[in-house]
């Protein structure tokens, strides 16, 4: 969505193909910006065979569209999905097919991923990745791909003391330490361990708040864990927020112990706000932009994470980090310009 908001829509227009019937968080904004949201009902039962059946479902759907669209841009983490979706688009007549890697692992059909991965390097595709680690995951150690940074609108995420005061007053956080997290409630984000860390931190800082923005399939499981630990009064489930950029100013630190990531844009956004970030060392080092980011191994105990978090929270004045973000190549304007060259 950052690219769609920024790209010159007189030259390039995006439409979105989604495989769920319910309205998404961005459907309204997409339509306001001139895009369309197309819904495709895939087969959801039948084991591994369903994926082959869905190849034909996608091909039939795309066939009448190839004259209207020049490019089919696939965002995925799985080589089997990439191969089948790219074949469907090519057979449907699309001129350009892009496969874009956004992760460094998968929970499903791992053997099929490794079997299909070499095929991607022989197909007539444009190959993108959000990080080198994500590129190697989808295309292999010898794969050829271009890294497209997950850019942000830098000025929207800069620290603001006025915004900090406003949000903290609205949320009732004025005098509290606030640990933040932004991300979907899903396995890669490792919310269960995050709660364990916070539970330890709370024992030495009982007036602390954990504020988590996002939705996802695992949210009920995490809410249940919070209740069992008896820390519900200290945890805030914020849901999807349109003001995430302002939340970073209100937080005192970001806790991000992911199992794996492609390149989490959350960390770019948080560092633009000069927010101290304690993250898993499983995350690619391409996210390391300013000195307020620290890494820890997931084998370290929650108590060790808690102590490091305590060390990182300080009263130092937060700085303007816009120059560092732009030097690192995470300005969304650069991303949009490069994608325009490919699309046109």
C-alpha atoms as a PDB file:
ATOM      1  CA  UNK A   1       0.000   0.000   0.000  1.00  0.00           C
ATOM      2  CA  UNK A   2       2.896   2.385   0.635  1.00  0.00           C
ATOM      3  CA  UNK A   3       3.912   2.015  -3.015  1.00  0.00           C
ATOM      4  CA  UNK A   4       0.354   2.437  -4.289  1.00  0.00           C
ATOM      5  CA  UNK A   5      -0.076   5.637  -2.280  1.00  0.00           C
ATOM      6  CA  UNK A   6       3.206   7.071  -3.589  1.00  0.00           C
ATOM      7  CA  UNK A   7       3.522   5.896  -7.193  1.00  0.00           C
ATOM      8  CA  UNK A   8       2.478   8.194 -10.037  1.00  0.00           C
ATOM      9  CA  UNK A   9      -0.979   6.748 -10.711  1.00  0.00           C
ATOM     10  CA  UNK A  10      -1.235   8.632 -14.005  1.00  0.00           C
ATOM     11  CA  UNK A  11       1.490   6.273 -15.251  1.00  0.00           C
ATOM     12  CA  UNK A  12       0.791   3.106 -13.274  1.00  0.00           C
ATOM     13  CA  UNK A  13      -2.465   1.890 -11.735  1.00  0.00           C
ATOM     14  CA  UNK A  14      -2.681  -1.053  -9.364  1.00  0.00           C
ATOM     15  CA  UNK A  15      -5.596  -3.419  -9.004  1.00  0.00           C
ATOM     16  CA  UNK A  16      -5.534  -6.095  -6.309  1.00  0.00           C
ATOM     17  CA  UNK A  17      -6.464  -9.766  -6.575  1.00  0.00           C
ATOM     18  CA  UNK A  18      -7.395 -11.273  -3.210  1.00  0.00           C
ATOM     19  CA  UNK A  19      -8.441 -14.808  -2.333  1.00  0.00           C
ATOM     20  CA  UNK A  20     -10.932 -14.029   0.404  1.00  0.00           C
ATOM     21  CA  UNK A  21     -14.480 -12.739   0.194  1.00  0.00           C
ATOM     22  CA  UNK A  22     -14.492 -10.485   3.247  1.00  0.00           C
ATOM     23  CA  UNK A  23     -13.619  -6.816   2.940  1.00  0.00           C
ATOM     24  CA  UNK A  24      -9.987  -6.059   3.735  1.00  0.00           C
ATOM     25  CA  UNK A  25      -8.575  -3.248   5.838  1.00  0.00           C
ATOM     26  CA  UNK A  26      -7.448  -1.299   2.758  1.00  0.00           C
ATOM     27  CA  UNK A  27     -10.346  -1.912   0.334  1.00  0.00           C
ATOM     28  CA  UNK A  28     -11.874   1.527   0.875  1.00  0.00           C
ATOM     29  CA  UNK A  29      -8.590   3.352   0.423  1.00  0.00           C
ATOM     30  CA  UNK A  30      -7.722   1.339  -2.704  1.00  0.00           C
ATOM     31  CA  UNK A  31     -10.990   2.361  -4.333  1.00  0.00           C
ATOM     32  CA  UNK A  32     -10.563   6.001  -3.301  1.00  0.00           C
ATOM     33  CA  UNK A  33      -7.150   6.013  -5.005  1.00  0.00           C
ATOM     34  CA  UNK A  34      -8.677   4.632  -8.217  1.00  0.00           C
ATOM     35  CA  UNK A  35      -7.814   0.957  -7.869  1.00  0.00           C
ATOM     36  CA  UNK A  36     -10.030  -2.099  -7.941  1.00  0.00           C
ATOM     37  CA  UNK A  37     -10.199  -5.066  -5.587  1.00  0.00           C
ATOM     38  CA  UNK A  38     -10.900  -8.323  -7.416  1.00  0.00           C
ATOM     39  CA  UNK A  39     -12.005 -11.361  -5.418  1.00  0.00           C
ATOM     40  CA  UNK A  40     -11.175 -14.917  -6.474  1.00  0.00           C
ATOM     41  CA  UNK A  41     -12.641 -17.891  -4.642  1.00  0.00           C
ATOM     42  CA  UNK A  42     -10.061 -20.669  -4.468  1.00  0.00           C
ATOM     43  CA  UNK A  43     -10.622 -24.340  -3.636  1.00  0.00           C
ATOM     44  CA  UNK A  44      -9.856 -24.849   0.066  1.00  0.00           C
ATOM     45  CA  UNK A  45     -10.274 -28.623   0.479  1.00  0.00           C
ATOM     46  CA  UNK A  46      -8.652 -31.644  -1.139  1.00  0.00           C
ATOM     47  CA  UNK A  47      -5.139 -31.732   0.271  1.00  0.00           C
ATOM     48  CA  UNK A  48      -2.126 -31.051  -2.004  1.00  0.00           C
ATOM     49  CA  UNK A  49      -4.230 -31.645  -5.125  1.00  0.00           C
ATOM     50  CA  UNK A  50      -6.177 -28.468  -4.389  1.00  0.00           C
ATOM     51  CA  UNK A  51      -3.090 -26.403  -5.273  1.00  0.00           C
ATOM     52  CA  UNK A  52      -2.995 -27.886  -8.771  1.00  0.00           C
ATOM     53  CA  UNK A  53      -6.735 -27.294  -9.143  1.00  0.00           C
ATOM     54  CA  UNK A  54      -6.254 -23.686  -8.070  1.00  0.00           C
ATOM     55  CA  UNK A  55      -3.701 -23.249 -10.851  1.00  0.00           C
ATOM     56  CA  UNK A  56      -6.521 -23.768 -13.354  1.00  0.00           C
ATOM     57  CA  UNK A  57      -8.899 -21.569 -11.341  1.00  0.00           C
ATOM     58  CA  UNK A  58      -6.376 -18.708 -11.447  1.00  0.00           C
ATOM     59  CA  UNK A  59      -5.561 -19.220 -15.127  1.00  0.00           C
ATOM     60  CA  UNK A  60      -9.272 -19.046 -16.072  1.00  0.00           C
ATOM     61  CA  UNK A  61      -9.701 -15.892 -14.023  1.00  0.00           C
ATOM     62  CA  UNK A  62      -6.660 -14.165 -15.557  1.00  0.00           C
ATOM     63  CA  UNK A  63      -7.250 -15.170 -19.190  1.00  0.00           C
ATOM     64  CA  UNK A  64      -9.731 -12.368 -20.026  1.00  0.00           C
ATOM     65  CA  UNK A  65      -7.607  -9.789 -18.177  1.00  0.00           C
ATOM     66  CA  UNK A  66      -4.279 -10.022 -19.986  1.00  0.00           C
ATOM     67  CA  UNK A  67      -5.158  -7.313 -22.518  1.00  0.00           C
ATOM     68  CA  UNK A  68      -6.240  -4.905 -19.767  1.00  0.00           C
ATOM     69  CA  UNK A  69      -3.132  -5.468 -17.618  1.00  0.00           C
ATOM     70  CA  UNK A  70       0.517  -5.751 -18.620  1.00  0.00           C
ATOM     71  CA  UNK A  71       1.978  -7.028 -15.348  1.00  0.00           C
ATOM     72  CA  UNK A  72       1.072  -9.662 -12.748  1.00  0.00           C
ATOM     73  CA  UNK A  73       2.988  -9.055  -9.492  1.00  0.00           C
ATOM     74  CA  UNK A  74       3.034 -12.041  -7.107  1.00  0.00           C
ATOM     75  CA  UNK A  75       3.920 -11.529  -3.434  1.00  0.00           C
ATOM     76  CA  UNK A  76       4.735 -14.841  -1.779  1.00  0.00           C
ATOM     77  CA  UNK A  77       7.019 -16.854   0.492  1.00  0.00           C
ATOM     78  CA  UNK A  78       6.558 -20.283  -1.103  1.00  0.00           C
ATOM     79  CA  UNK A  79       8.277 -21.517  -4.277  1.00  0.00           C
ATOM     80  CA  UNK A  80       5.451 -23.906  -5.208  1.00  0.00           C
ATOM     81  CA  UNK A  81       2.906 -21.090  -5.055  1.00  0.00           C
ATOM     82  CA  UNK A  82       5.238 -18.852  -7.043  1.00  0.00           C
ATOM     83  CA  UNK A  83       5.784 -21.438  -9.799  1.00  0.00           C
ATOM     84  CA  UNK A  84       2.099 -22.295 -10.219  1.00  0.00           C
ATOM     85  CA  UNK A  85       0.846 -18.692 -10.032  1.00  0.00           C
ATOM     86  CA  UNK A  86       3.531 -17.475 -12.440  1.00  0.00           C
ATOM     87  CA  UNK A  87       2.724 -20.276 -14.891  1.00  0.00           C
ATOM     88  CA  UNK A  88      -0.969 -19.409 -14.698  1.00  0.00           C
ATOM     89  CA  UNK A  89      -0.260 -15.741 -15.444  1.00  0.00           C
ATOM     90  CA  UNK A  90       2.100 -16.538 -18.323  1.00  0.00           C
ATOM     91  CA  UNK A  91      -0.332 -19.037 -19.855  1.00  0.00           C
ATOM     92  CA  UNK A  92      -3.094 -16.457 -19.477  1.00  0.00           C
ATOM     93  CA  UNK A  93      -1.053 -14.062 -21.632  1.00  0.00           C
ATOM     94  CA  UNK A  94       0.498 -11.590 -19.198  1.00  0.00           C
ATOM     95  CA  UNK A  95       3.548  -9.884 -20.676  1.00  0.00           C
ATOM     96  CA  UNK A  96       5.453  -9.401 -17.421  1.00  0.00           C
ATOM     97  CA  UNK A  97       5.258 -11.617 -14.340  1.00  0.00           C
ATOM     98  CA  UNK A  98       7.026 -10.588 -11.139  1.00  0.00           C
ATOM     99  CA  UNK A  99       7.687 -12.950  -8.228  1.00  0.00           C
ATOM    100  CA  UNK A 100       8.454 -11.019  -5.044  1.00  0.00           C
ATOM    101  CA  UNK A 101       9.801 -12.756  -1.942  1.00  0.00           C
ATOM    102  CA  UNK A 102       8.717 -11.355   1.419  1.00  0.00           C
ATOM    103  CA  UNK A 103       9.789 -13.977   3.956  1.00  0.00           C
ATOM    104  CA  UNK A 104      12.562 -16.355   4.945  1.00  0.00           C
ATOM    105  CA  UNK A 105      10.609 -19.473   5.908  1.00  0.00           C
ATOM    106  CA  UNK A 106       7.264 -21.242   5.612  1.00  0.00           C
ATOM    107  CA  UNK A 107       5.165 -23.469   7.824  1.00  0.00           C
ATOM    108  CA  UNK A 108       3.595 -25.497   5.016  1.00  0.00           C
ATOM    109  CA  UNK A 109       4.810 -27.985   2.376  1.00  0.00           C
ATOM    110  CA  UNK A 110       8.493 -27.318   3.028  1.00  0.00           C
ATOM    111  CA  UNK A 111       9.669 -30.176   0.757  1.00  0.00           C
ATOM    112  CA  UNK A 112       7.560 -28.826  -2.108  1.00  0.00           C
ATOM    113  CA  UNK A 113       9.155 -25.410  -1.600  1.00  0.00           C
ATOM    114  CA  UNK A 114      12.681 -26.769  -2.015  1.00  0.00           C
ATOM    115  CA  UNK A 115      11.698 -28.951  -4.992  1.00  0.00           C
ATOM    116  CA  UNK A 116      10.124 -26.009  -6.833  1.00  0.00           C
ATOM    117  CA  UNK A 117      12.726 -23.392  -5.956  1.00  0.00           C
ATOM    118  CA  UNK A 118      15.209 -24.152  -8.802  1.00  0.00           C
ATOM    119  CA  UNK A 119      12.397 -23.900 -11.370  1.00  0.00           C
ATOM    120  CA  UNK A 120      11.912 -20.208 -10.595  1.00  0.00           C
ATOM    121  CA  UNK A 121      15.389 -19.403 -11.878  1.00  0.00           C
ATOM    122  CA  UNK A 122      14.621 -20.886 -15.303  1.00  0.00           C
ATOM    123  CA  UNK A 123      11.244 -19.240 -15.815  1.00  0.00           C
ATOM    124  CA  UNK A 124      10.936 -15.942 -17.768  1.00  0.00           C
ATOM    125  CA  UNK A 125      10.238 -13.846 -14.666  1.00  0.00           C
ATOM    126  CA  UNK A 126      11.280 -10.686 -12.915  1.00  0.00           C
ATOM    127  CA  UNK A 127      12.577 -11.766  -9.497  1.00  0.00           C
ATOM    128  CA  UNK A 128      12.370  -9.409  -6.502  1.00  0.00           C
ATOM    129  CA  UNK A 129      13.082  -9.802  -2.785  1.00  0.00           C
ATOM    130  CA  UNK A 130      12.635  -7.467   0.174  1.00  0.00           C
ATOM    131  CA  UNK A 131      16.031  -8.549   1.541  1.00  0.00           C
ATOM    132  CA  UNK A 132      18.969 -10.713   0.557  1.00  0.00           C
ATOM    133  CA  UNK A 133      17.891 -13.373   3.050  1.00  0.00           C
ATOM    134  CA  UNK A 134      14.370 -13.410   1.566  1.00  0.00           C
ATOM    135  CA  UNK A 135      15.850 -13.679  -1.931  1.00  0.00           C
ATOM    136  CA  UNK A 136      17.963 -16.679  -1.016  1.00  0.00           C
ATOM    137  CA  UNK A 137      14.977 -18.324   0.662  1.00  0.00           C
ATOM    138  CA  UNK A 138      12.802 -18.181  -2.465  1.00  0.00           C
ATOM    139  CA  UNK A 139      15.353 -18.309  -5.279  1.00  0.00           C
ATOM    140  CA  UNK A 140      18.262 -20.214  -3.725  1.00  0.00           C
ATOM    141  CA  UNK A 141      21.859 -19.330  -2.893  1.00  0.00           C
ATOM    142  CA  UNK A 142      22.707 -18.927  -6.577  1.00  0.00           C
ATOM    143  CA  UNK A 143      19.433 -17.327  -7.566  1.00  0.00           C
ATOM    144  CA  UNK A 144      19.416 -13.981  -9.355  1.00  0.00           C
ATOM    145  CA  UNK A 145      17.075 -11.356  -7.941  1.00  0.00           C
ATOM    146  CA  UNK A 146      16.849  -7.639  -7.286  1.00  0.00           C
ATOM    147  CA  UNK A 147      16.308  -6.290  -3.798  1.00  0.00           C
ATOM    148  CA  UNK A 148      13.403  -3.848  -3.612  1.00  0.00           C
ATOM    149  CA  UNK A 149      13.461  -2.106  -0.258  1.00  0.00           C
ATOM    150  CA  UNK A 150      10.291  -1.886   1.812  1.00  0.00           C
ATOM    151  CA  UNK A 151      10.277   1.894   1.675  1.00  0.00           C
ATOM    152  CA  UNK A 152       8.322   4.270   3.888  1.00  0.00           C
ATOM    153  CA  UNK A 153       7.133   7.875   3.718  1.00  0.00           C
ATOM    154  CA  UNK A 154       9.938   8.971   6.016  1.00  0.00           C
ATOM    155  CA  UNK A 155       8.467  12.262   7.209  1.00  0.00           C
ATOM    156  CA  UNK A 156       5.304  10.518   8.445  1.00  0.00           C
ATOM    157  CA  UNK A 157       7.265   8.488  11.002  1.00  0.00           C
ATOM    158  CA  UNK A 158       9.590  11.052  12.562  1.00  0.00           C
ATOM    159  CA  UNK A 159       9.408  11.446  16.320  1.00  0.00           C
ATOM    160  CA  UNK A 160       7.105  14.208  17.551  1.00  0.00           C
ATOM    161  CA  UNK A 161       6.870  15.183  21.242  1.00  0.00           C
ATOM    162  CA  UNK A 162       3.492  16.781  20.553  1.00  0.00           C
ATOM    163  CA  UNK A 163       2.174  13.557  19.026  1.00  0.00           C
ATOM    164  CA  UNK A 164       3.604  11.581  21.932  1.00  0.00           C
ATOM    165  CA  UNK A 165       1.749  13.737  24.435  1.00  0.00           C
ATOM    166  CA  UNK A 166      -1.496  13.559  22.439  1.00  0.00           C
ATOM    167  CA  UNK A 167      -1.551   9.757  22.019  1.00  0.00           C
ATOM    168  CA  UNK A 168      -0.463   9.029  25.571  1.00  0.00           C
ATOM    169  CA  UNK A 169      -3.215  11.282  26.896  1.00  0.00           C
ATOM    170  CA  UNK A 170      -5.846   9.667  24.644  1.00  0.00           C
ATOM    171  CA  UNK A 171      -4.788   6.162  25.686  1.00  0.00           C
ATOM    172  CA  UNK A 172      -4.265   6.927  29.377  1.00  0.00           C
ATOM    173  CA  UNK A 173      -0.542   6.194  29.238  1.00  0.00           C
ATOM    174  CA  UNK A 174       0.762   9.565  30.488  1.00  0.00           C
ATOM    175  CA  UNK A 175       3.038   8.378  33.298  1.00  0.00           C
ATOM    176  CA  UNK A 176       3.515   4.764  32.213  1.00  0.00           C
ATOM    177  CA  UNK A 177       6.372   2.960  30.463  1.00  0.00           C
ATOM    178  CA  UNK A 178       4.870   1.700  27.182  1.00  0.00           C
ATOM    179  CA  UNK A 179       6.382  -1.263  25.341  1.00  0.00           C
ATOM    180  CA  UNK A 180       5.008  -1.538  21.815  1.00  0.00           C
ATOM    181  CA  UNK A 181       4.624  -4.137  19.110  1.00  0.00           C
ATOM    182  CA  UNK A 182       3.188  -3.736  15.604  1.00  0.00           C
ATOM    183  CA  UNK A 183       2.430  -6.813  13.508  1.00  0.00           C
ATOM    184  CA  UNK A 184      -0.050  -9.530  12.669  1.00  0.00           C
ATOM    185  CA  UNK A 185      -0.877 -12.106  15.320  1.00  0.00           C
ATOM    186  CA  UNK A 186       0.736 -15.035  13.526  1.00  0.00           C
ATOM    187  CA  UNK A 187       3.443 -17.619  14.213  1.00  0.00           C
ATOM    188  CA  UNK A 188       6.392 -15.699  12.698  1.00  0.00           C
ATOM    189  CA  UNK A 189       5.872 -12.753  15.083  1.00  0.00           C
ATOM    190  CA  UNK A 190       6.329 -14.966  18.162  1.00  0.00           C
ATOM    191  CA  UNK A 191       3.789 -13.209  20.382  1.00  0.00           C
ATOM    192  CA  UNK A 192       3.841 -15.987  22.975  1.00  0.00           C
ATOM    193  CA  UNK A 193       7.518 -15.334  23.756  1.00  0.00           C
ATOM    194  CA  UNK A 194       6.868 -11.594  23.635  1.00  0.00           C
ATOM    195  CA  UNK A 195       4.280 -12.047  26.409  1.00  0.00           C
ATOM    196  CA  UNK A 196       6.780 -14.078  28.449  1.00  0.00           C
ATOM    197  CA  UNK A 197       9.342 -11.264  28.162  1.00  0.00           C
ATOM    198  CA  UNK A 198       6.798  -8.647  29.134  1.00  0.00           C
ATOM    199  CA  UNK A 199       5.637 -10.726  32.101  1.00  0.00           C
ATOM    200  CA  UNK A 200       9.215 -10.712  33.409  1.00  0.00           C
ATOM    201  CA  UNK A 201       9.602  -6.986  32.775  1.00  0.00           C
ATOM    202  CA  UNK A 202       6.347  -6.296  34.598  1.00  0.00           C
ATOM    203  CA  UNK A 203       7.693  -7.846  37.797  1.00  0.00           C
ATOM    204  CA  UNK A 204      10.312  -5.102  38.113  1.00  0.00           C
ATOM    205  CA  UNK A 205       8.254  -2.356  36.428  1.00  0.00           C
ATOM    206  CA  UNK A 206       4.646  -2.988  37.535  1.00  0.00           C
ATOM    207  CA  UNK A 207       3.337   0.242  36.029  1.00  0.00           C
ATOM    208  CA  UNK A 208       4.283  -0.758  32.467  1.00  0.00           C
ATOM    209  CA  UNK A 209       1.870  -1.157  29.542  1.00  0.00           C
ATOM    210  CA  UNK A 210       2.303  -3.561  26.600  1.00  0.00           C
ATOM    211  CA  UNK A 211       0.486  -2.137  23.579  1.00  0.00           C
ATOM    212  CA  UNK A 212       0.132  -4.410  20.536  1.00  0.00           C
ATOM    213  CA  UNK A 213      -1.299  -3.182  17.231  1.00  0.00           C
ATOM    214  CA  UNK A 214      -2.515  -5.710  14.667  1.00  0.00           C
ATOM    215  CA  UNK A 215      -4.929  -8.515  13.990  1.00  0.00           C
ATOM    216  CA  UNK A 216      -4.494 -12.169  13.062  1.00  0.00           C
ATOM    217  CA  UNK A 217      -5.459 -15.791  13.525  1.00  0.00           C
ATOM    218  CA  UNK A 218      -3.565 -16.209  16.799  1.00  0.00           C
ATOM    219  CA  UNK A 219      -4.982 -13.224  18.661  1.00  0.00           C
ATOM    220  CA  UNK A 220      -7.459 -15.277  20.729  1.00  0.00           C
ATOM    221  CA  UNK A 221      -4.674 -17.644  21.792  1.00  0.00           C
ATOM    222  CA  UNK A 222      -2.546 -14.707  22.946  1.00  0.00           C
ATOM    223  CA  UNK A 223      -5.465 -13.084  24.775  1.00  0.00           C
ATOM    224  CA  UNK A 224      -6.036 -16.376  26.598  1.00  0.00           C
ATOM    225  CA  UNK A 225      -2.363 -16.520  27.652  1.00  0.00           C
ATOM    226  CA  UNK A 226      -2.506 -12.943  28.934  1.00  0.00           C
ATOM    227  CA  UNK A 227      -5.585 -13.811  30.992  1.00  0.00           C
ATOM    228  CA  UNK A 228      -4.001 -16.966  32.448  1.00  0.00           C
ATOM    229  CA  UNK A 229      -0.921 -14.991  33.506  1.00  0.00           C
ATOM    230  CA  UNK A 230      -3.170 -12.449  35.192  1.00  0.00           C
ATOM    231  CA  UNK A 231      -1.638  -9.459  33.390  1.00  0.00           C
ATOM    232  CA  UNK A 232      -4.684  -8.331  31.426  1.00  0.00           C
ATOM    233  CA  UNK A 233      -4.754  -4.931  33.135  1.00  0.00           C
ATOM    234  CA  UNK A 234      -1.297  -4.197  31.720  1.00  0.00           C
ATOM    235  CA  UNK A 235      -1.831  -5.352  28.126  1.00  0.00           C
ATOM    236  CA  UNK A 236      -3.632  -3.417  25.398  1.00  0.00           C
ATOM    237  CA  UNK A 237      -4.811  -5.053  22.164  1.00  0.00           C
ATOM    238  CA  UNK A 238      -5.089  -2.077  19.818  1.00  0.00           C
ATOM    239  CA  UNK A 239      -6.369  -3.847  16.687  1.00  0.00           C
ATOM    240  CA  UNK A 240      -5.632  -2.397  13.253  1.00  0.00           C
ATOM    241  CA  UNK A 241      -4.669   1.248  13.577  1.00  0.00           C
ATOM    242  CA  UNK A 242      -4.497   3.945  10.942  1.00  0.00           C
ATOM    243  CA  UNK A 243      -2.227   5.977  13.240  1.00  0.00           C
ATOM    244  CA  UNK A 244       0.629   3.497  13.667  1.00  0.00           C
ATOM    245  CA  UNK A 245       3.068   6.244  12.679  1.00  0.00           C
ATOM    246  CA  UNK A 246       1.906   8.219  15.740  1.00  0.00           C
ATOM    247  CA  UNK A 247       2.043   5.207  18.056  1.00  0.00           C
ATOM    248  CA  UNK A 248       5.803   4.958  17.563  1.00  0.00           C
ATOM    249  CA  UNK A 249       6.190   8.416  19.113  1.00  0.00           C
ATOM    250  CA  UNK A 250       4.077   7.303  22.091  1.00  0.00           C
ATOM    251  CA  UNK A 251       6.013   4.061  22.721  1.00  0.00           C
ATOM    252  CA  UNK A 252       9.138   3.897  24.888  1.00  0.00           C
ATOM    253  CA  UNK A 253      10.521   0.800  23.150  1.00  0.00           C
ATOM    254  CA  UNK A 254       9.574  -1.731  20.489  1.00  0.00           C
ATOM    255  CA  UNK A 255       9.830  -5.449  21.302  1.00  0.00           C
ATOM    256  CA  UNK A 256      10.127  -7.659  18.203  1.00  0.00           C
ATOM    257  CA  UNK A 257      11.232 -11.281  18.932  1.00  0.00           C
ATOM    258  CA  UNK A 258      10.221 -12.791  15.574  1.00  0.00           C
ATOM    259  CA  UNK A 259      10.938 -16.396  14.600  1.00  0.00           C
ATOM    260  CA  UNK A 260      11.660 -15.189  11.057  1.00  0.00           C
ATOM    261  CA  UNK A 261      10.967 -12.246   8.736  1.00  0.00           C
ATOM    262  CA  UNK A 262      11.653 -11.102   5.197  1.00  0.00           C
ATOM    263  CA  UNK A 263      12.386  -7.499   6.043  1.00  0.00           C
ATOM    264  CA  UNK A 264       9.866  -6.080   8.520  1.00  0.00           C
ATOM    265  CA  UNK A 265       8.871  -2.558   7.531  1.00  0.00           C
ATOM    266  CA  UNK A 266       7.810  -2.051  11.156  1.00  0.00           C
ATOM    267  CA  UNK A 267      11.480  -1.850  12.133  1.00  0.00           C
ATOM    268  CA  UNK A 268      12.211   0.752   9.462  1.00  0.00           C
ATOM    269  CA  UNK A 269       9.249   2.825  10.662  1.00  0.00           C
ATOM    270  CA  UNK A 270      10.217   2.507  14.334  1.00  0.00           C
ATOM    271  CA  UNK A 271      13.820   3.526  13.656  1.00  0.00           C
ATOM    272  CA  UNK A 272      12.624   6.561  11.711  1.00  0.00           C
ATOM    273  CA  UNK A 273      10.985   7.576  15.006  1.00  0.00           C
ATOM    274  CA  UNK A 274      14.272   6.870  16.842  1.00  0.00           C
ATOM    275  CA  UNK A 275      12.454   4.321  18.987  1.00  0.00           C
ATOM    276  CA  UNK A 276      14.671   1.806  20.852  1.00  0.00           C
ATOM    277  CA  UNK A 277      14.092  -1.614  19.240  1.00  0.00           C
ATOM    278  CA  UNK A 278      14.918  -4.965  20.839  1.00  0.00           C
ATOM    279  CA  UNK A 279      14.672  -7.619  18.147  1.00  0.00           C
ATOM    280  CA  UNK A 280      15.431 -11.250  17.387  1.00  0.00           C
ATOM    281  CA  UNK A 281      18.751 -11.997  15.712  1.00  0.00           C
ATOM    282  CA  UNK A 282      16.810 -14.195  13.279  1.00  0.00           C
ATOM    283  CA  UNK A 283      15.839 -10.991  11.450  1.00  0.00           C
ATOM    284  CA  UNK A 284      18.016  -9.842   8.547  1.00  0.00           C
ATOM    285  CA  UNK A 285      20.704  -7.284   9.430  1.00  0.00           C
ATOM    286  CA  UNK A 286      19.502  -5.095   6.564  1.00  0.00           C
ATOM    287  CA  UNK A 287      17.063  -3.631   9.093  1.00  0.00           C
ATOM    288  CA  UNK A 288      19.910  -2.220  11.218  1.00  0.00           C
ATOM    289  CA  UNK A 289      19.805   1.500  10.473  1.00  0.00           C
ATOM    290  CA  UNK A 290      20.518   3.369  13.687  1.00  0.00           C
ATOM    291  CA  UNK A 291      22.251   2.566  17.008  1.00  0.00           C
ATOM    292  CA  UNK A 292      18.999   2.292  18.981  1.00  0.00           C
ATOM    293  CA  UNK A 293      18.433  -1.223  17.649  1.00  0.00           C
ATOM    294  CA  UNK A 294      19.690  -4.243  19.594  1.00  0.00           C
ATOM    295  CA  UNK A 295      19.569  -7.956  18.761  1.00  0.00           C
ATOM    296  CA  UNK A 296      19.151 -10.994  21.005  1.00  0.00           C
ATOM    297  CA  UNK A 297      19.040 -14.708  20.365  1.00  0.00           C
ATOM    298  CA  UNK A 298      15.742 -16.501  20.886  1.00  0.00           C
ATOM    299  CA  UNK A 299      17.609 -19.054  23.002  1.00  0.00           C
ATOM    300  CA  UNK A 300      18.132 -16.373  25.634  1.00  0.00           C
ATOM    301  CA  UNK A 301      15.634 -16.534  28.470  1.00  0.00           C
ATOM    302  CA  UNK A 302      12.723 -14.110  28.885  1.00  0.00           C
ATOM    303  CA  UNK A 303      14.555 -12.766  31.961  1.00  0.00           C
ATOM    304  CA  UNK A 304      17.626 -11.931  29.845  1.00  0.00           C
ATOM    305  CA  UNK A 305      15.463 -10.203  27.236  1.00  0.00           C
ATOM    306  CA  UNK A 306      13.722  -8.285  30.012  1.00  0.00           C
ATOM    307  CA  UNK A 307      17.018  -7.043  31.461  1.00  0.00           C
ATOM    308  CA  UNK A 308      18.227  -5.893  28.047  1.00  0.00           C
ATOM    309  CA  UNK A 309      14.916  -4.109  27.458  1.00  0.00           C
ATOM    310  CA  UNK A 310      15.359  -2.323  30.777  1.00  0.00           C
ATOM    311  CA  UNK A 311      18.833  -1.158  29.703  1.00  0.00           C
ATOM    312  CA  UNK A 312      17.521   0.221  26.403  1.00  0.00           C
ATOM    313  CA  UNK A 313      14.731   2.368  27.785  1.00  0.00           C
ATOM    314  CA  UNK A 314      16.224   5.754  28.534  1.00  0.00           C
ATOM    315  CA  UNK A 315      15.315   9.375  28.954  1.00  0.00           C
ATOM    316  CA  UNK A 316      17.580  10.479  26.110  1.00  0.00           C
ATOM    317  CA  UNK A 317      16.076  12.957  23.698  1.00  0.00           C
ATOM    318  CA  UNK A 318      14.987  11.233  20.497  1.00  0.00           C
ATOM    319  CA  UNK A 319      16.533  12.540  17.294  1.00  0.00           C
ATOM    320  CA  UNK A 320      15.539  13.203  13.696  1.00  0.00           C
ATOM    321  CA  UNK A 321      16.678  10.048  11.868  1.00  0.00           C
ATOM    322  CA  UNK A 322      15.348  10.952   8.406  1.00  0.00           C
ATOM    323  CA  UNK A 323      18.797  11.285   6.813  1.00  0.00           C
ATOM    324  CA  UNK A 324      19.843   7.820   7.998  1.00  0.00           C
ATOM    325  CA  UNK A 325      16.652   6.215   6.713  1.00  0.00           C
ATOM    326  CA  UNK A 326      17.077   7.814   3.284  1.00  0.00           C
ATOM    327  CA  UNK A 327      20.787   6.932   3.086  1.00  0.00           C
ATOM    328  CA  UNK A 328      19.843   3.319   3.772  1.00  0.00           C
ATOM    329  CA  UNK A 329      17.533   3.326   0.735  1.00  0.00           C
ATOM    330  CA  UNK A 330      14.215   3.066   2.559  1.00  0.00           C
ATOM    331  CA  UNK A 331      12.564   6.170   1.124  1.00  0.00           C
ATOM    332  CA  UNK A 332       9.340   5.013  -0.563  1.00  0.00           C
ATOM    333  CA  UNK A 333       9.888   7.450  -3.426  1.00  0.00           C
ATOM    334  CA  UNK A 334      12.972   5.497  -4.537  1.00  0.00           C
ATOM    335  CA  UNK A 335      11.016   2.232  -4.355  1.00  0.00           C
ATOM    336  CA  UNK A 336       8.140   3.691  -6.382  1.00  0.00           C
ATOM    337  CA  UNK A 337      10.484   5.056  -9.042  1.00  0.00           C
ATOM    338  CA  UNK A 338      12.190   1.698  -9.542  1.00  0.00           C
ATOM    339  CA  UNK A 339       8.890  -0.204  -9.734  1.00  0.00           C
ATOM    340  CA  UNK A 340       7.562   2.308 -12.270  1.00  0.00           C
ATOM    341  CA  UNK A 341      10.551   1.550 -14.506  1.00  0.00           C
ATOM    342  CA  UNK A 342       9.753  -2.175 -14.338  1.00  0.00           C
ATOM    343  CA  UNK A 343       5.998  -1.832 -14.806  1.00  0.00           C
ATOM    344  CA  UNK A 344       6.263   0.492 -17.807  1.00  0.00           C
END
